[in-house]
Amino acid sequence: MSIKEKQEDIISEFEMFDDWMDRYQLLIDLGNSQEPLDEKYKTDQNLIEGCQSRVWLQADLVDGNVIFKAESDAIIVKGIIALLIEVLSGHTPDEIINSELYFIDEIGLHEHLSPTRSNGLLSMLKQMRLYALVYKAKQDQTNS
């Protein structure tokens, strides 16, 4: 499934709820349904800078696709990173780098987050794209 298709699925899922308390519950459920991150990845190196909560992000290149795993100690943030992983994980570095993530605005997430959580969201996204850039550079180096 493409990044665009995954975003459309998320938008449809969130549109089922009018009330933001229900949408927050959906976020919490998404975060809780995520597999816990292996303790060996909960290192300072994997902590995302710029997040008020602690968020660990692990990325691996598997068969040309970036696979993300993450965990947070805050339930809403755990749901946010779960959404980002749902959309971006399993895609090539190029697809991740060139993707336009519009679902965040479409579901109204930006306007319902505190400024610190919004900054954290941007930091998570930035880190995911950074991993994709690094893996793209490694692929380009291998192919040349």
Protein backbone atom coordinates (compact mmCIF):
# COMPACT_ATOMS: atom_id res chain seq x y z
CA MET A 1 0.00 0.00 0.00
CA SER A 2 1.38 3.42 -0.94
CA ILE A 3 2.03 6.25 1.53
CA LYS A 4 -0.87 8.17 -0.02
CA GLU A 5 -3.23 5.19 0.40
CA LYS A 6 -2.19 4.73 4.01
CA GLN A 7 -2.88 8.41 4.69
CA GLU A 8 -6.34 8.10 3.11
CA ASP A 9 -7.08 5.10 5.35
CA ILE A 10 -6.10 7.05 8.46
CA ILE A 11 -8.19 10.05 7.40
CA SER A 12 -11.21 7.75 6.89
CA GLU A 13 -10.64 6.12 10.27
CA PHE A 14 -10.49 9.47 12.08
CA GLU A 15 -13.50 10.87 10.18
CA MET A 16 -15.67 8.25 11.89
CA PHE A 17 -15.33 10.28 15.10
CA ASP A 18 -16.66 13.82 15.46
CA ASP A 19 -15.56 14.28 19.05
CA TRP A 20 -11.89 14.88 19.75
CA MET A 21 -12.04 12.84 22.93
CA ASP A 22 -12.91 9.84 20.72
CA ARG A 23 -10.07 10.72 18.35
CA TYR A 24 -7.65 10.90 21.28
CA GLN A 25 -8.88 7.48 22.36
CA LEU A 26 -8.18 6.18 18.85
CA LEU A 27 -4.66 7.61 19.09
CA ILE A 28 -4.16 5.97 22.48
CA ASP A 29 -5.45 2.64 21.13
CA LEU A 30 -3.07 2.86 18.16
CA GLY A 31 -0.15 3.52 20.48
CA ASN A 32 -1.12 0.66 22.78
CA SER A 33 -1.50 -1.78 19.90
CA GLN A 34 2.08 -1.15 18.83
CA GLU A 35 4.67 -3.77 19.75
CA PRO A 36 6.93 -2.57 22.57
CA LEU A 37 10.38 -1.50 21.47
CA ASP A 38 13.13 -3.92 22.43
CA GLU A 39 15.03 -2.61 25.46
CA LYS A 40 18.33 -2.73 23.53
CA TYR A 41 17.01 0.12 21.32
CA LYS A 42 16.08 2.37 24.23
CA THR A 43 19.37 4.22 24.07
CA ASP A 44 20.28 7.89 24.16
CA GLN A 45 21.28 7.57 20.52
CA ASN A 46 17.69 6.61 19.60
CA LEU A 47 16.04 9.33 21.72
CA ILE A 48 14.46 12.03 19.57
CA GLU A 49 15.64 15.53 20.39
CA GLY A 50 12.92 18.17 20.66
CA CYS A 51 10.28 15.99 22.25
CA GLN A 52 9.03 16.84 25.71
CA SER A 53 8.26 13.17 26.27
CA ARG A 54 10.82 10.47 25.78
CA VAL A 55 10.54 8.93 22.32
CA TRP A 56 12.90 6.27 21.04
CA LEU A 57 13.03 5.62 17.29
CA GLN A 58 14.82 2.71 15.65
CA ALA A 59 15.16 2.42 11.88
CA ASP A 60 16.54 -0.46 9.85
CA LEU A 61 16.89 -0.95 6.12
CA VAL A 62 15.37 -4.31 5.17
CA ASP A 63 15.24 -5.36 1.50
CA GLY A 64 15.48 -1.73 0.40
CA ASN A 65 12.71 -0.49 2.70
CA VAL A 66 13.05 1.47 5.92
CA ILE A 67 11.40 -0.28 8.86
CA PHE A 68 10.65 1.96 11.84
CA LYS A 69 9.99 0.90 15.40
CA ALA A 70 9.41 3.28 18.26
CA GLU A 71 8.13 3.75 21.74
CA SER A 72 7.25 6.65 24.00
CA ASP A 73 6.57 7.05 27.68
CA ALA A 74 3.56 9.31 26.93
CA ILE A 75 0.34 7.70 25.70
CA ILE A 76 -0.70 10.39 23.18
CA VAL A 77 2.83 10.65 21.80
CA LYS A 78 2.96 6.87 21.51
CA GLY A 79 -0.16 7.11 19.32
CA ILE A 80 1.33 9.89 17.20
CA ILE A 81 4.51 7.94 16.50
CA ALA A 82 2.37 4.85 15.77
CA LEU A 83 0.53 6.88 13.09
CA LEU A 84 3.80 8.03 11.54
CA ILE A 85 5.13 4.47 11.54
CA GLU A 86 1.91 3.17 10.00
CA VAL A 87 2.31 5.63 7.12
CA LEU A 88 6.09 5.60 6.53
CA SER A 89 7.44 2.23 7.65
CA GLY A 90 8.03 -0.34 4.92
CA HIS A 91 8.75 2.17 2.17
CA THR A 92 11.91 3.01 0.29
CA PRO A 93 14.07 5.92 1.42
CA ASP A 94 13.05 7.85 -1.73
CA GLU A 95 9.34 7.34 -1.05
CA ILE A 96 9.77 8.59 2.53
CA ILE A 97 11.88 11.59 1.55
CA ASN A 98 9.52 12.63 -1.26
CA SER A 99 6.25 11.99 0.56
CA GLU A 100 3.89 14.81 1.37
CA LEU A 101 2.26 14.03 4.70
CA TYR A 102 -1.10 15.76 4.55
CA PHE A 103 -3.03 13.44 6.88
CA ILE A 104 -1.81 15.28 10.00
CA ASP A 105 -3.66 18.44 8.95
CA GLU A 106 -6.59 16.54 7.41
CA ILE A 107 -7.46 14.77 10.68
CA GLY A 108 -7.00 18.03 12.63
CA LEU A 109 -4.13 16.70 14.70
CA HIS A 110 -2.00 19.83 14.48
CA GLU A 111 -4.73 22.09 15.84
CA HIS A 112 -5.50 19.73 18.75
CA LEU A 113 -1.95 19.36 20.02
CA SER A 114 -0.21 21.61 22.49
CA PRO A 115 2.70 23.63 21.04
CA THR A 116 5.22 21.28 22.71
CA ARG A 117 3.50 18.19 21.26
CA SER A 118 3.40 19.85 17.82
CA ASN A 119 7.12 20.48 18.07
CA GLY A 120 7.60 16.87 19.11
CA LEU A 121 5.59 15.68 16.11
CA LEU A 122 7.81 17.72 13.79
CA SER A 123 10.91 16.33 15.52
CA MET A 124 9.69 12.75 15.06
CA LEU A 125 8.96 13.35 11.39
CA LYS A 126 12.29 15.09 10.88
CA GLN A 127 14.16 12.16 12.47
CA MET A 128 12.31 9.64 10.30
CA ARG A 129 13.20 11.58 7.15
CA LEU A 130 16.80 11.86 8.37
CA TYR A 131 17.03 8.08 8.68
CA ALA A 132 15.63 7.78 5.15
CA LEU A 133 18.25 10.25 3.86
CA VAL A 134 21.06 8.30 5.52
CA TYR A 135 19.84 5.01 4.07
CA LYS A 136 19.42 6.62 0.62
CA ALA A 137 23.01 7.91 0.77
CA LYS A 138 24.24 4.42 1.74
CA GLN A 139 22.27 2.88 -1.15
CA ASP A 140 23.62 5.46 -3.60
CA GLN A 141 27.15 4.77 -2.37
CA THR A 142 26.69 1.03 -2.80
CA ASN A 143 25.24 1.44 -6.29
CA SER A 144 28.04 3.70 -7.55
